[in-house]
């Protein structure tokens, strides 16, 4: 039986509007012989075979992909070379750009890459991150904070 006393002690969901860059965003990078973790600590990450990239991966194009941290505290992947992506490209985008959510996977040559970010900071779904937990009805979150830093 649900009572007012029970309602007062029920957990209250939180938003996913964490501080700018929170949630330790990083890439898990693997091929048959190598495993790496790359922490995303700048607003632009370049990935490819050229030695000037932040992430250098043999068997890829010189500049194969970029990840940009945007003004909404989202991480956007743009693929400049061939590879699979598991999310929908951004509507209206002429290139292969997608918003990365916790667990998003993409490939480049022999490399499999997974984007990870603690779900409390992943803006994918309100009240609990990408996986939610709020059932099928999505409640609206408050507006995002002003992330200008």
Protein backbone atom coordinates (compact mmCIF):
# COMPACT_ATOMS: atom_id res chain seq x y z
CA UNK A 1 0.00 0.00 0.00
CA UNK A 2 1.40 3.39 -1.04
CA UNK A 3 1.13 6.01 1.70
CA UNK A 4 2.18 9.63 2.05
CA UNK A 5 4.96 8.52 4.41
CA UNK A 6 6.25 6.15 1.73
CA UNK A 7 6.08 8.94 -0.89
CA UNK A 8 8.18 11.25 1.28
CA UNK A 9 10.97 8.63 1.42
CA UNK A 10 10.78 7.53 -2.22
CA UNK A 11 13.93 8.27 -4.21
CA UNK A 12 13.79 11.31 -6.43
CA UNK A 13 15.32 10.99 -9.90
CA UNK A 14 18.11 13.32 -10.88
CA UNK A 15 18.94 15.00 -14.14
CA UNK A 16 21.93 14.19 -16.32
CA UNK A 17 23.10 17.80 -16.38
CA UNK A 18 26.42 17.28 -14.65
CA UNK A 19 29.30 19.74 -14.66
CA UNK A 20 31.09 20.49 -17.93
CA UNK A 21 33.09 17.45 -19.09
CA UNK A 22 32.11 15.35 -16.05
CA UNK A 23 31.89 11.57 -16.08
CA UNK A 24 35.49 10.85 -17.12
CA UNK A 25 34.81 10.55 -20.88
CA UNK A 26 37.22 8.10 -22.50
CA UNK A 27 37.69 5.69 -25.37
CA UNK A 28 38.28 1.95 -25.06
CA UNK A 29 40.35 0.98 -28.10
CA UNK A 30 41.07 -2.64 -29.09
CA UNK A 31 42.30 -4.73 -31.97
CA UNK A 32 43.52 -8.34 -32.02
CA UNK A 33 46.82 -7.50 -30.28
CA UNK A 34 46.34 -4.23 -28.43
CA UNK A 35 44.09 -2.70 -25.76
CA UNK A 36 44.18 0.99 -24.86
CA UNK A 37 42.26 3.50 -22.81
CA UNK A 38 42.36 7.12 -23.97
CA UNK A 39 41.04 9.82 -21.63
CA UNK A 40 39.29 12.67 -23.44
CA UNK A 41 40.71 15.77 -21.79
CA UNK A 42 40.52 18.38 -24.56
CA UNK A 43 37.67 19.77 -26.68
CA UNK A 44 39.03 18.31 -29.93
CA UNK A 45 40.51 14.83 -30.39
CA UNK A 46 41.99 13.65 -33.69
CA UNK A 47 42.29 9.95 -34.53
CA UNK A 48 44.24 8.38 -37.39
CA UNK A 49 47.57 7.01 -38.56
CA UNK A 50 49.39 10.36 -38.73
CA UNK A 51 51.79 10.77 -35.80
CA UNK A 52 50.39 14.27 -35.08
CA UNK A 53 47.02 12.87 -33.98
CA UNK A 54 45.99 12.57 -30.34
CA UNK A 55 45.22 8.87 -30.93
CA UNK A 56 47.55 7.19 -33.43
CA UNK A 57 46.18 3.95 -34.89
CA UNK A 58 48.03 1.96 -37.54
CA UNK A 59 45.91 0.77 -40.44
CA UNK A 60 43.69 3.87 -40.54
CA UNK A 61 43.57 7.00 -42.71
CA UNK A 62 46.00 9.82 -41.72
CA UNK A 63 42.99 11.69 -40.22
CA UNK A 64 40.30 9.07 -39.83
CA UNK A 65 38.00 10.71 -37.26
CA UNK A 66 37.58 13.64 -34.91
CA UNK A 67 35.72 13.93 -31.62
CA UNK A 68 34.58 17.42 -30.68
CA UNK A 69 33.27 18.46 -27.27
CA UNK A 70 30.52 20.97 -28.09
CA UNK A 71 28.88 23.86 -26.27
CA UNK A 72 26.09 21.56 -24.99
CA UNK A 73 28.63 19.28 -23.24
CA UNK A 74 28.11 16.59 -25.88
CA UNK A 75 30.87 14.63 -27.63
CA UNK A 76 30.44 14.49 -31.42
CA UNK A 77 32.20 11.90 -33.56
CA UNK A 78 32.85 12.75 -37.22
CA UNK A 79 34.17 9.91 -39.36
CA UNK A 80 36.42 11.11 -42.19
CA UNK A 81 37.39 7.58 -43.26
CA UNK A 82 35.51 4.29 -43.62
CA UNK A 83 34.11 2.47 -40.62
CA UNK A 84 30.95 1.42 -38.88
CA UNK A 85 29.03 3.65 -36.49
CA UNK A 86 26.19 2.39 -34.30
CA UNK A 87 24.24 5.60 -33.74
CA UNK A 88 22.18 7.66 -36.14
CA UNK A 89 24.03 10.52 -37.83
CA UNK A 90 22.83 13.95 -36.74
CA UNK A 91 19.78 15.09 -38.73
CA UNK A 92 20.64 17.61 -41.42
CA UNK A 93 24.33 16.72 -41.28
CA UNK A 94 25.96 16.14 -44.65
CA UNK A 95 28.88 14.28 -43.11
CA UNK A 96 29.06 11.20 -40.90
CA UNK A 97 28.67 12.87 -37.52
CA UNK A 98 26.92 11.39 -34.48
CA UNK A 99 26.48 12.27 -30.82
CA UNK A 100 28.38 9.78 -28.69
CA UNK A 101 26.51 8.23 -25.78
CA UNK A 102 27.89 5.87 -23.17
CA UNK A 103 28.56 2.56 -24.91
CA UNK A 104 28.58 3.96 -28.48
CA UNK A 105 30.75 1.78 -30.72
CA UNK A 106 32.56 2.54 -33.96
CA UNK A 107 35.29 0.96 -36.06
CA UNK A 108 38.34 2.14 -38.01
CA UNK A 109 40.37 -0.40 -39.95
CA UNK A 110 41.18 -3.23 -37.51
CA UNK A 111 40.24 -1.13 -34.47
CA UNK A 112 37.03 -1.36 -32.40
CA UNK A 113 36.39 1.70 -30.26
CA UNK A 114 33.83 2.28 -27.51
CA UNK A 115 33.00 5.69 -26.02
CA UNK A 116 32.45 5.62 -22.27
CA UNK A 117 31.23 8.30 -19.88
CA UNK A 118 29.68 7.82 -16.46
CA UNK A 119 25.95 7.73 -17.01
CA UNK A 120 25.25 10.48 -14.47
CA UNK A 121 26.93 12.87 -16.95
CA UNK A 122 25.63 11.36 -20.21
CA UNK A 123 22.89 13.66 -21.54
CA UNK A 124 21.26 10.86 -23.51
CA UNK A 125 18.16 10.40 -21.37
CA UNK A 126 16.80 12.21 -18.35
CA UNK A 127 16.74 10.74 -14.89
CA UNK A 128 19.46 8.14 -15.13
CA UNK A 129 21.58 8.42 -18.26
CA UNK A 130 21.38 6.48 -21.48
CA UNK A 131 19.77 3.40 -19.94
CA UNK A 132 17.26 5.45 -18.01
CA UNK A 133 15.39 3.49 -15.41
CA UNK A 134 12.32 5.65 -15.59
CA UNK A 135 10.29 3.26 -17.72
CA UNK A 136 8.89 4.10 -21.11
CA UNK A 137 7.62 7.59 -20.25
CA UNK A 138 10.41 10.15 -20.59
CA UNK A 139 9.99 13.12 -18.27
CA UNK A 140 11.49 16.38 -19.46
CA UNK A 141 14.64 17.55 -17.74
CA UNK A 142 15.23 21.15 -16.75
CA UNK A 143 17.10 23.18 -19.36
CA UNK A 144 20.84 22.57 -19.58
CA UNK A 145 23.04 24.88 -17.56
CA UNK A 146 25.08 27.53 -19.33
CA UNK A 147 28.31 25.62 -19.99
CA UNK A 148 30.34 28.64 -21.08
CA UNK A 149 33.58 28.30 -19.21
